[in-house]
All heavy atoms as atom14 arrays in JSON, in Angstrom:
{
  "sequence": "NAAGERRYHSITKIPKLNEHGAVEYVICSAEDITEQKKAEAKLNQYAE",
  "atom14_mask": [
    [1, 1, 1, 1, 1, 1, 1, 1, 0, 0, 0, 0, 0, 0],
    [1, 1, 1, 1, 1, 0, 0, 0, 0, 0, 0, 0, 0, 0],
    [1, 1, 1, 1, 1, 0, 0, 0, 0, 0, 0, 0, 0, 0],
    [1, 1, 1, 1, 0, 0, 0, 0, 0, 0, 0, 0, 0, 0],
    [1, 1, 1, 1, 1, 1, 1, 1, 1, 0, 0, 0, 0, 0],
    [1, 1, 1, 1, 1, 1, 1, 1, 1, 1, 1, 0, 0, 0],
    [1, 1, 1, 1, 1, 1, 1, 1, 1, 1, 1, 0, 0, 0],
    [1, 1, 1, 1, 1, 1, 1, 1, 1, 1, 1, 1, 0, 0],
    [1, 1, 1, 1, 1, 1, 1, 1, 1, 1, 0, 0, 0, 0],
    [1, 1, 1, 1, 1, 1, 0, 0, 0, 0, 0, 0, 0, 0],
    [1, 1, 1, 1, 1, 1, 1, 1, 0, 0, 0, 0, 0, 0],
    [1, 1, 1, 1, 1, 1, 1, 0, 0, 0, 0, 0, 0, 0],
    [1, 1, 1, 1, 1, 1, 1, 1, 1, 0, 0, 0, 0, 0],
    [1, 1, 1, 1, 1, 1, 1, 1, 0, 0, 0, 0, 0, 0],
    [1, 1, 1, 1, 1, 1, 1, 0, 0, 0, 0, 0, 0, 0],
    [1, 1, 1, 1, 1, 1, 1, 1, 1, 0, 0, 0, 0, 0],
    [1, 1, 1, 1, 1, 1, 1, 1, 0, 0, 0, 0, 0, 0],
    [1, 1, 1, 1, 1, 1, 1, 1, 0, 0, 0, 0, 0, 0],
    [1, 1, 1, 1, 1, 1, 1, 1, 1, 0, 0, 0, 0, 0],
    [1, 1, 1, 1, 1, 1, 1, 1, 1, 1, 0, 0, 0, 0],
    [1, 1, 1, 1, 0, 0, 0, 0, 0, 0, 0, 0, 0, 0],
    [1, 1, 1, 1, 1, 0, 0, 0, 0, 0, 0, 0, 0, 0],
    [1, 1, 1, 1, 1, 1, 1, 0, 0, 0, 0, 0, 0, 0],
    [1, 1, 1, 1, 1, 1, 1, 1, 1, 0, 0, 0, 0, 0],
    [1, 1, 1, 1, 1, 1, 1, 1, 1, 1, 1, 1, 0, 0],
    [1, 1, 1, 1, 1, 1, 1, 0, 0, 0, 0, 0, 0, 0],
    [1, 1, 1, 1, 1, 1, 1, 1, 0, 0, 0, 0, 0, 0],
    [1, 1, 1, 1, 1, 1, 0, 0, 0, 0, 0, 0, 0, 0],
    [1, 1, 1, 1, 1, 1, 0, 0, 0, 0, 0, 0, 0, 0],
    [1, 1, 1, 1, 1, 0, 0, 0, 0, 0, 0, 0, 0, 0],
    [1, 1, 1, 1, 1, 1, 1, 1, 1, 0, 0, 0, 0, 0],
    [1, 1, 1, 1, 1, 1, 1, 1, 0, 0, 0, 0, 0, 0],
    [1, 1, 1, 1, 1, 1, 1, 1, 0, 0, 0, 0, 0, 0],
    [1, 1, 1, 1, 1, 1, 1, 0, 0, 0, 0, 0, 0, 0],
    [1, 1, 1, 1, 1, 1, 1, 1, 1, 0, 0, 0, 0, 0],
    [1, 1, 1, 1, 1, 1, 1, 1, 1, 0, 0, 0, 0, 0],
    [1, 1, 1, 1, 1, 1, 1, 1, 1, 0, 0, 0, 0, 0],
    [1, 1, 1, 1, 1, 1, 1, 1, 1, 0, 0, 0, 0, 0],
    [1, 1, 1, 1, 1, 0, 0, 0, 0, 0, 0, 0, 0, 0],
    [1, 1, 1, 1, 1, 1, 1, 1, 1, 0, 0, 0, 0, 0],
    [1, 1, 1, 1, 1, 0, 0, 0, 0, 0, 0, 0, 0, 0],
    [1, 1, 1, 1, 1, 1, 1, 1, 1, 0, 0, 0, 0, 0],
    [1, 1, 1, 1, 1, 1, 1, 1, 0, 0, 0, 0, 0, 0],
    [1, 1, 1, 1, 1, 1, 1, 1, 0, 0, 0, 0, 0, 0],
    [1, 1, 1, 1, 1, 1, 1, 1, 1, 0, 0, 0, 0, 0],
    [1, 1, 1, 1, 1, 1, 1, 1, 1, 1, 1, 1, 0, 0],
    [1, 1, 1, 1, 1, 0, 0, 0, 0, 0, 0, 0, 0, 0],
    [1, 1, 1, 1, 1, 1, 1, 1, 1, 0, 0, 0, 0, 0]
  ],
  "atom14_positions": [
    [[13.33, -2.01, 11.53], [13.9, -3.28, 11.57], [13.32, -4.17, 12.66], [12.47, -3.84, 13.4], [15.53, -3.2, 11.66], [15.92, -2.56, 12.97], [15.13, -2.51, 13.88], [17.11, -2.19, 12.98], [0.0, 0.0, 0.0], [0.0, 0.0, 0.0], [0.0, 0.0, 0.0], [0.0, 0.0, 0.0], [0.0, 0.0, 0.0], [0.0, 0.0, 0.0]],
    [[13.88, -5.37, 12.79], [13.43, -6.4, 13.75], [13.54, -5.89, 15.14], [12.7, -6.3, 16.01], [14.17, -7.63, 13.56], [0.0, 0.0, 0.0], [0.0, 0.0, 0.0], [0.0, 0.0, 0.0], [0.0, 0.0, 0.0], [0.0, 0.0, 0.0], [0.0, 0.0, 0.0], [0.0, 0.0, 0.0], [0.0, 0.0, 0.0], [0.0, 0.0, 0.0]],
    [[14.39, -4.93, 15.48], [14.58, -4.39, 16.83], [13.73, -3.21, 17.05], [13.8, -2.6, 18.13], [16.05, -3.96, 17.07], [0.0, 0.0, 0.0], [0.0, 0.0, 0.0], [0.0, 0.0, 0.0], [0.0, 0.0, 0.0], [0.0, 0.0, 0.0], [0.0, 0.0, 0.0], [0.0, 0.0, 0.0], [0.0, 0.0, 0.0], [0.0, 0.0, 0.0]],
    [[12.9, -2.78, 15.99], [11.99, -1.57, 16.16], [12.63, -0.33, 15.87], [12.11, 0.79, 16.04], [0.0, 0.0, 0.0], [0.0, 0.0, 0.0], [0.0, 0.0, 0.0], [0.0, 0.0, 0.0], [0.0, 0.0, 0.0], [0.0, 0.0, 0.0], [0.0, 0.0, 0.0], [0.0, 0.0, 0.0], [0.0, 0.0, 0.0], [0.0, 0.0, 0.0]],
    [[13.93, -0.32, 15.35], [14.64, 0.94, 14.99], [14.08, 1.43, 13.59], [13.96, 0.58, 12.62], [16.14, 0.71, 14.87], [16.76, 0.27, 16.24], [18.15, -0.06, 16.1], [18.59, -0.57, 14.92], [18.9, -0.02, 17.04], [0.0, 0.0, 0.0], [0.0, 0.0, 0.0], [0.0, 0.0, 0.0], [0.0, 0.0, 0.0], [0.0, 0.0, 0.0]],
    [[13.99, 2.73, 13.5], [13.57, 3.31, 12.26], [14.81, 3.56, 11.39], [15.81, 4.17, 11.8], [12.93, 4.65, 12.43], [11.54, 4.62, 13.13], [10.97, 5.89, 13.31], [10.33, 6.48, 12.1], [10.8, 7.61, 11.45], [11.7, 8.27, 12.08], [10.22, 8.02, 10.4], [0.0, 0.0, 0.0], [0.0, 0.0, 0.0], [0.0, 0.0, 0.0]],
    [[14.81, 2.94, 10.2], [15.87, 3.05, 9.24], [15.34, 3.64, 7.97], [14.23, 3.33, 7.53], [16.55, 1.66, 8.98], [16.94, 0.95, 10.2], [17.96, 1.8, 11.02], [19.27, 1.98, 10.39], [20.23, 2.68, 10.96], [20.06, 3.34, 12.11], [21.38, 2.81, 10.3], [0.0, 0.0, 0.0], [0.0, 0.0, 0.0], [0.0, 0.0, 0.0]],
    [[16.14, 4.39, 7.23], [15.71, 4.94, 5.94], [16.35, 4.13, 4.79], [17.6, 4.08, 4.74], [16.16, 6.47, 5.93], [15.43, 7.21, 4.79], [14.16, 7.78, 5.09], [15.93, 7.42, 3.55], [13.35, 8.49, 4.16], [15.26, 8.09, 2.65], [14.02, 8.63, 2.9], [13.25, 9.32, 1.87], [0.0, 0.0, 0.0], [0.0, 0.0, 0.0]],
    [[15.62, 3.52, 3.99], [16.02, 2.73, 2.87], [15.81, 3.29, 1.58], [14.81, 4.04, 1.28], [15.35, 1.4, 2.94], [15.85, 0.5, 4.01], [15.29, -0.8, 4.23], [16.9, 0.54, 4.9], [16.03, -1.37, 5.23], [16.92, -0.43, 5.68], [0.0, 0.0, 0.0], [0.0, 0.0, 0.0], [0.0, 0.0, 0.0], [0.0, 0.0, 0.0]],
    [[16.82, 3.17, 0.69], [16.7, 3.47, -0.8], [16.56, 2.11, -1.49], [17.44, 1.3, -1.41], [17.9, 4.27, -1.17], [17.76, 4.43, -2.7], [0.0, 0.0, 0.0], [0.0, 0.0, 0.0], [0.0, 0.0, 0.0], [0.0, 0.0, 0.0], [0.0, 0.0, 0.0], [0.0, 0.0, 0.0], [0.0, 0.0, 0.0], [0.0, 0.0, 0.0]],
    [[15.28, 1.85, -1.98], [14.97, 0.47, -2.58], [14.91, 0.64, -4.1], [14.23, 1.57, -4.61], [13.7, 0.05, -2.01], [13.78, -0.08, -0.45], [13.3, -1.3, -2.55], [12.44, -0.32, 0.28], [0.0, 0.0, 0.0], [0.0, 0.0, 0.0], [0.0, 0.0, 0.0], [0.0, 0.0, 0.0], [0.0, 0.0, 0.0], [0.0, 0.0, 0.0]],
    [[15.51, -0.33, -4.75], [15.45, -0.52, -6.19], [14.84, -1.87, -6.6], [15.36, -2.93, -5.93], [16.8, -0.31, -6.8], [17.37, 0.92, -6.47], [16.72, -0.38, -8.35], [0.0, 0.0, 0.0], [0.0, 0.0, 0.0], [0.0, 0.0, 0.0], [0.0, 0.0, 0.0], [0.0, 0.0, 0.0], [0.0, 0.0, 0.0], [0.0, 0.0, 0.0]],
    [[13.92, -1.96, -7.46], [13.24, -3.15, -7.93], [13.49, -3.3, -9.42], [12.85, -2.47, -10.14], [11.87, -3.35, -7.45], [11.68, -3.24, -5.85], [10.31, -3.41, -5.44], [10.19, -3.36, -3.95], [8.94, -3.57, -3.32], [0.0, 0.0, 0.0], [0.0, 0.0, 0.0], [0.0, 0.0, 0.0], [0.0, 0.0, 0.0], [0.0, 0.0, 0.0]],
    [[14.18, -4.29, -9.87], [14.45, -4.53, -11.23], [13.8, -5.78, -11.8], [14.02, -6.91, -11.29], [16.0, -4.5, -11.45], [16.7, -3.39, -10.83], [16.39, -4.71, -12.94], [18.17, -3.47, -10.76], [0.0, 0.0, 0.0], [0.0, 0.0, 0.0], [0.0, 0.0, 0.0], [0.0, 0.0, 0.0], [0.0, 0.0, 0.0], [0.0, 0.0, 0.0]],
    [[12.96, -5.58, -12.79], [12.27, -6.81, -13.4], [13.15, -7.51, -14.41], [13.96, -6.82, -15.06], [11.02, -6.21, -14.05], [11.47, -4.83, -14.55], [12.44, -4.31, -13.36], [0.0, 0.0, 0.0], [0.0, 0.0, 0.0], [0.0, 0.0, 0.0], [0.0, 0.0, 0.0], [0.0, 0.0, 0.0], [0.0, 0.0, 0.0], [0.0, 0.0, 0.0]],
    [[13.04, -8.81, -14.28], [13.76, -9.72, -15.42], [12.71, -10.2, -16.27], [11.8, -10.98, -15.84], [14.63, -10.76, -14.7], [15.25, -11.78, -15.67], [16.28, -11.15, -16.51], [17.08, -12.1, -17.34], [16.29, -12.82, -18.36], [0.0, 0.0, 0.0], [0.0, 0.0, 0.0], [0.0, 0.0, 0.0], [0.0, 0.0, 0.0], [0.0, 0.0, 0.0]],
    [[12.82, -9.85, -17.5], [11.77, -10.29, -18.51], [12.26, -11.7, -19.16], [13.4, -11.84, -19.57], [11.57, -9.29, -19.57], [11.21, -7.84, -19.04], [10.93, -6.9, -20.17], [9.99, -7.94, -18.05], [0.0, 0.0, 0.0], [0.0, 0.0, 0.0], [0.0, 0.0, 0.0], [0.0, 0.0, 0.0], [0.0, 0.0, 0.0], [0.0, 0.0, 0.0]],
    [[11.25, -12.56, -19.42], [11.55, -13.76, -20.22], [11.47, -13.49, -21.65], [11.2, -12.36, -22.16], [10.64, -14.93, -19.75], [9.16, -14.51, -20.01], [8.82, -13.78, -20.9], [8.2, -15.14, -19.31], [0.0, 0.0, 0.0], [0.0, 0.0, 0.0], [0.0, 0.0, 0.0], [0.0, 0.0, 0.0], [0.0, 0.0, 0.0], [0.0, 0.0, 0.0]],
    [[11.64, -14.5, -22.59], [11.67, -14.37, -23.92], [10.33, -13.87, -24.48], [10.39, -13.38, -25.64], [12.11, -15.66, -24.57], [11.12, -16.8, -24.23], [11.52, -18.1, -24.89], [12.6, -18.19, -25.39], [10.84, -19.15, -24.68], [0.0, 0.0, 0.0], [0.0, 0.0, 0.0], [0.0, 0.0, 0.0], [0.0, 0.0, 0.0], [0.0, 0.0, 0.0]],
    [[9.27, -13.96, -23.77], [7.99, -13.58, -24.2], [7.63, -12.14, -23.81], [6.54, -11.6, -24.05], [6.88, -14.48, -23.75], [7.17, -15.92, -24.17], [7.13, -16.36, -25.53], [7.41, -17.02, -23.4], [7.38, -17.65, -25.59], [7.54, -18.02, -24.41], [0.0, 0.0, 0.0], [0.0, 0.0, 0.0], [0.0, 0.0, 0.0], [0.0, 0.0, 0.0]],
    [[8.59, -11.44, -23.02], [8.33, -10.15, -22.5], [7.6, -10.07, -21.24], [7.24, -8.95, -20.84], [0.0, 0.0, 0.0], [0.0, 0.0, 0.0], [0.0, 0.0, 0.0], [0.0, 0.0, 0.0], [0.0, 0.0, 0.0], [0.0, 0.0, 0.0], [0.0, 0.0, 0.0], [0.0, 0.0, 0.0], [0.0, 0.0, 0.0], [0.0, 0.0, 0.0]],
    [[7.37, -11.13, -20.6], [6.62, -11.18, -19.39], [7.66, -11.11, -18.23], [8.89, -11.57, -18.41], [5.77, -12.4, -19.22], [0.0, 0.0, 0.0], [0.0, 0.0, 0.0], [0.0, 0.0, 0.0], [0.0, 0.0, 0.0], [0.0, 0.0, 0.0], [0.0, 0.0, 0.0], [0.0, 0.0, 0.0], [0.0, 0.0, 0.0], [0.0, 0.0, 0.0]],
    [[7.34, -10.6, -17.05], [8.21, -10.57, -15.92], [8.39, -11.88, -15.26], [7.27, -12.59, -14.84], [7.67, -9.54, -14.83], [8.56, -9.59, -13.59], [7.51, -8.2, -15.39], [0.0, 0.0, 0.0], [0.0, 0.0, 0.0], [0.0, 0.0, 0.0], [0.0, 0.0, 0.0], [0.0, 0.0, 0.0], [0.0, 0.0, 0.0], [0.0, 0.0, 0.0]],
    [[9.54, -12.46, -15.29], [9.83, -13.82, -14.82], [10.02, -13.72, -13.3], [9.56, -14.5, -12.63], [11.14, -14.42, -15.49], [11.35, -15.77, -15.15], [12.54, -16.41, -15.96], [12.92, -15.83, -16.93], [13.16, -17.43, -15.5], [0.0, 0.0, 0.0], [0.0, 0.0, 0.0], [0.0, 0.0, 0.0], [0.0, 0.0, 0.0], [0.0, 0.0, 0.0]],
    [[10.86, -12.75, -12.95], [11.09, -12.47, -11.5], [11.6, -11.04, -11.36], [11.94, -10.31, -12.33], [12.06, -13.41, -10.85], [13.41, -13.54, -11.52], [14.42, -12.61, -11.2], [13.66, -14.45, -12.56], [15.66, -12.69, -11.75], [14.91, -14.55, -13.15], [15.86, -13.66, -12.82], [17.18, -13.74, -13.36], [0.0, 0.0, 0.0], [0.0, 0.0, 0.0]],
    [[11.72, -10.49, -10.06], [12.11, -9.24, -9.76], [13.23, -9.2, -8.69], [13.01, -9.82, -7.65], [10.99, -8.27, -9.22], [11.45, -6.87, -8.83], [9.86, -8.12, -10.35], [0.0, 0.0, 0.0], [0.0, 0.0, 0.0], [0.0, 0.0, 0.0], [0.0, 0.0, 0.0], [0.0, 0.0, 0.0], [0.0, 0.0, 0.0], [0.0, 0.0, 0.0]],
    [[14.34, -8.66, -9.07], [15.42, -8.57, -8.07], [15.27, -7.25, -7.29], [15.06, -6.16, -7.95], [16.81, -8.6, -8.79], [17.01, -9.88, -9.61], [17.95, -8.31, -7.81], [17.11, -11.01, -8.72], [0.0, 0.0, 0.0], [0.0, 0.0, 0.0], [0.0, 0.0, 0.0], [0.0, 0.0, 0.0], [0.0, 0.0, 0.0], [0.0, 0.0, 0.0]],
    [[15.32, -7.34, -6.0], [15.09, -6.07, -5.14], [16.37, -5.89, -4.34], [17.02, -6.84, -3.9], [13.9, -6.41, -4.24], [12.4, -6.91, -5.08], [0.0, 0.0, 0.0], [0.0, 0.0, 0.0], [0.0, 0.0, 0.0], [0.0, 0.0, 0.0], [0.0, 0.0, 0.0], [0.0, 0.0, 0.0], [0.0, 0.0, 0.0], [0.0, 0.0, 0.0]],
    [[16.67, -4.67, -4.16], [17.79, -4.32, -3.24], [17.43, -3.09, -2.41], [16.68, -2.18, -2.8], [19.11, -4.04, -4.06], [18.93, -2.82, -4.87], [0.0, 0.0, 0.0], [0.0, 0.0, 0.0], [0.0, 0.0, 0.0], [0.0, 0.0, 0.0], [0.0, 0.0, 0.0], [0.0, 0.0, 0.0], [0.0, 0.0, 0.0], [0.0, 0.0, 0.0]],
    [[17.99, -3.04, -1.16], [17.82, -1.87, -0.23], [19.15, -1.43, 0.29], [19.75, -2.24, 0.98], [16.77, -2.27, 0.92], [0.0, 0.0, 0.0], [0.0, 0.0, 0.0], [0.0, 0.0, 0.0], [0.0, 0.0, 0.0], [0.0, 0.0, 0.0], [0.0, 0.0, 0.0], [0.0, 0.0, 0.0], [0.0, 0.0, 0.0], [0.0, 0.0, 0.0]],
    [[19.36, -0.18, 0.14], [20.57, 0.49, 0.7], [20.1, 1.24, 1.95], [19.18, 2.0, 1.85], [21.24, 1.43, -0.27], [21.8, 0.79, -1.46], [23.16, 0.12, -1.16], [23.62, 0.21, -0.08], [23.57, -0.69, -2.08], [0.0, 0.0, 0.0], [0.0, 0.0, 0.0], [0.0, 0.0, 0.0], [0.0, 0.0, 0.0], [0.0, 0.0, 0.0]],
    [[20.78, 1.01, 3.12], [20.44, 1.76, 4.32], [21.14, 3.06, 4.32], [22.32, 3.2, 4.44], [20.89, 0.95, 5.5], [20.35, 1.49, 6.84], [20.23, 2.85, 6.9], [20.12, 0.76, 7.83], [0.0, 0.0, 0.0], [0.0, 0.0, 0.0], [0.0, 0.0, 0.0], [0.0, 0.0, 0.0], [0.0, 0.0, 0.0], [0.0, 0.0, 0.0]],
    [[20.41, 4.17, 4.09], [21.01, 5.56, 3.99], [20.53, 6.43, 5.15], [20.42, 7.64, 4.96], [20.63, 6.14, 2.59], [19.16, 6.23, 2.38], [21.33, 5.49, 1.45], [18.78, 7.14, 1.05], [0.0, 0.0, 0.0], [0.0, 0.0, 0.0], [0.0, 0.0, 0.0], [0.0, 0.0, 0.0], [0.0, 0.0, 0.0], [0.0, 0.0, 0.0]],
    [[20.33, 5.8, 6.16], [19.8, 6.54, 7.4], [20.74, 7.58, 7.86], [20.28, 8.7, 8.07], [19.63, 5.52, 8.62], [18.79, 4.41, 8.26], [18.85, 6.27, 9.77], [0.0, 0.0, 0.0], [0.0, 0.0, 0.0], [0.0, 0.0, 0.0], [0.0, 0.0, 0.0], [0.0, 0.0, 0.0], [0.0, 0.0, 0.0], [0.0, 0.0, 0.0]],
    [[22.01, 7.37, 7.9], [22.99, 8.34, 8.32], [22.97, 9.55, 7.39], [23.05, 10.76, 7.77], [24.41, 7.78, 8.56], [24.4, 6.63, 9.61], [23.72, 7.08, 11.01], [23.96, 8.25, 11.39], [22.94, 6.23, 11.46], [0.0, 0.0, 0.0], [0.0, 0.0, 0.0], [0.0, 0.0, 0.0], [0.0, 0.0, 0.0], [0.0, 0.0, 0.0]],
    [[22.94, 9.21, 6.07], [22.97, 10.22, 5.03], [21.8, 11.12, 5.23], [21.78, 12.25, 5.17], [23.02, 9.63, 3.66], [22.91, 10.58, 2.52], [22.78, 9.95, 1.2], [23.3, 8.82, 1.04], [21.98, 10.5, 0.27], [0.0, 0.0, 0.0], [0.0, 0.0, 0.0], [0.0, 0.0, 0.0], [0.0, 0.0, 0.0], [0.0, 0.0, 0.0]],
    [[20.57, 10.53, 5.45], [19.31, 11.26, 5.66], [19.39, 12.1, 6.84], [18.92, 13.28, 6.89], [18.1, 10.24, 5.73], [16.77, 10.83, 5.62], [16.53, 11.35, 4.21], [15.2, 12.01, 4.13], [14.93, 12.6, 2.81], [0.0, 0.0, 0.0], [0.0, 0.0, 0.0], [0.0, 0.0, 0.0], [0.0, 0.0, 0.0], [0.0, 0.0, 0.0]],
    [[19.9, 11.59, 7.93], [20.04, 12.37, 9.22], [20.98, 13.61, 8.95], [20.68, 14.71, 9.38], [20.64, 11.6, 10.35], [19.59, 10.51, 10.83], [20.15, 9.66, 12.02], [19.23, 8.74, 12.53], [19.84, 7.91, 13.73], [0.0, 0.0, 0.0], [0.0, 0.0, 0.0], [0.0, 0.0, 0.0], [0.0, 0.0, 0.0], [0.0, 0.0, 0.0]],
    [[22.05, 13.34, 8.16], [23.06, 14.45, 7.91], [22.34, 15.52, 6.93], [22.51, 16.68, 7.17], [24.23, 13.9, 7.04], [0.0, 0.0, 0.0], [0.0, 0.0, 0.0], [0.0, 0.0, 0.0], [0.0, 0.0, 0.0], [0.0, 0.0, 0.0], [0.0, 0.0, 0.0], [0.0, 0.0, 0.0], [0.0, 0.0, 0.0], [0.0, 0.0, 0.0]],
    [[21.51, 15.05, 6.01], [20.71, 15.94, 5.17], [19.76, 16.81, 5.99], [19.6, 17.94, 5.74], [19.97, 15.22, 4.17], [20.88, 14.62, 3.0], [20.1, 13.77, 2.08], [18.92, 13.67, 2.16], [20.73, 13.31, 1.1], [0.0, 0.0, 0.0], [0.0, 0.0, 0.0], [0.0, 0.0, 0.0], [0.0, 0.0, 0.0], [0.0, 0.0, 0.0]],
    [[19.1, 16.15, 6.98], [18.17, 16.83, 7.79], [18.8, 17.99, 8.64], [18.33, 19.06, 8.79], [17.46, 15.86, 8.84], [0.0, 0.0, 0.0], [0.0, 0.0, 0.0], [0.0, 0.0, 0.0], [0.0, 0.0, 0.0], [0.0, 0.0, 0.0], [0.0, 0.0, 0.0], [0.0, 0.0, 0.0], [0.0, 0.0, 0.0], [0.0, 0.0, 0.0]],
    [[20.07, 17.66, 9.12], [20.83, 18.58, 9.82], [21.22, 19.86, 9.01], [21.13, 20.99, 9.4], [22.14, 17.92, 10.5], [21.78, 17.07, 11.75], [22.94, 16.59, 12.38], [22.74, 15.84, 13.66], [24.02, 15.22, 14.27], [0.0, 0.0, 0.0], [0.0, 0.0, 0.0], [0.0, 0.0, 0.0], [0.0, 0.0, 0.0], [0.0, 0.0, 0.0]],
    [[21.64, 19.51, 7.74], [22.09, 20.44, 6.83], [20.91, 21.34, 6.45], [21.09, 22.59, 6.4], [22.65, 19.89, 5.54], [24.05, 19.19, 5.6], [24.4, 18.62, 4.31], [25.05, 20.27, 5.94], [0.0, 0.0, 0.0], [0.0, 0.0, 0.0], [0.0, 0.0, 0.0], [0.0, 0.0, 0.0], [0.0, 0.0, 0.0], [0.0, 0.0, 0.0]],
    [[19.68, 20.77, 6.35], [18.57, 21.57, 6.13], [18.22, 22.58, 7.21], [17.74, 23.6, 7.09], [17.31, 20.61, 5.81], [17.48, 19.9, 4.42], [18.11, 20.44, 3.56], [16.78, 18.85, 4.4], [0.0, 0.0, 0.0], [0.0, 0.0, 0.0], [0.0, 0.0, 0.0], [0.0, 0.0, 0.0], [0.0, 0.0, 0.0], [0.0, 0.0, 0.0]],
    [[18.36, 21.98, 8.49], [18.07, 22.82, 9.63], [19.11, 24.03, 9.66], [18.7, 25.13, 9.88], [18.29, 21.99, 11.0], [17.18, 21.02, 11.08], [17.45, 20.12, 12.38], [18.51, 20.23, 12.93], [16.41, 19.37, 12.74], [0.0, 0.0, 0.0], [0.0, 0.0, 0.0], [0.0, 0.0, 0.0], [0.0, 0.0, 0.0], [0.0, 0.0, 0.0]],
    [[20.43, 23.69, 9.36], [21.43, 24.79, 9.29], [21.08, 25.74, 8.21], [21.18, 26.89, 8.43], [22.82, 24.16, 9.12], [23.3, 23.31, 10.19], [24.15, 22.21, 9.94], [23.12, 23.6, 11.55], [24.6, 21.43, 10.98], [23.53, 22.86, 12.55], [24.38, 21.74, 12.33], [24.89, 21.04, 13.29], [0.0, 0.0, 0.0], [0.0, 0.0, 0.0]],
    [[20.61, 25.2, 7.06], [20.31, 26.07, 5.93], [19.15, 27.0, 6.29], [19.07, 28.2, 5.94], [19.95, 25.31, 4.71], [0.0, 0.0, 0.0], [0.0, 0.0, 0.0], [0.0, 0.0, 0.0], [0.0, 0.0, 0.0], [0.0, 0.0, 0.0], [0.0, 0.0, 0.0], [0.0, 0.0, 0.0], [0.0, 0.0, 0.0], [0.0, 0.0, 0.0]],
    [[18.1, 26.5, 6.99], [16.96, 27.24, 7.41], [17.37, 28.4, 8.39], [16.89, 29.54, 8.32], [15.9, 26.33, 8.01], [15.22, 25.57, 7.08], [14.28, 24.52, 7.71], [14.14, 24.6, 8.95], [13.59, 23.71, 7.02], [0.0, 0.0, 0.0], [0.0, 0.0, 0.0], [0.0, 0.0, 0.0], [0.0, 0.0, 0.0], [0.0, 0.0, 0.0]]
  ]
}
């Protein structure tokens, strides 16, 4: 991010097609799942 912190994002990009089937624009979204990823990493360590 702008502060230099590493964050883990789940990003989805959805195209919106016009009447001719061409991409008119793309809606993008990003969910910050950093804490979930860290928890998964810990669980993997415990599992190992």
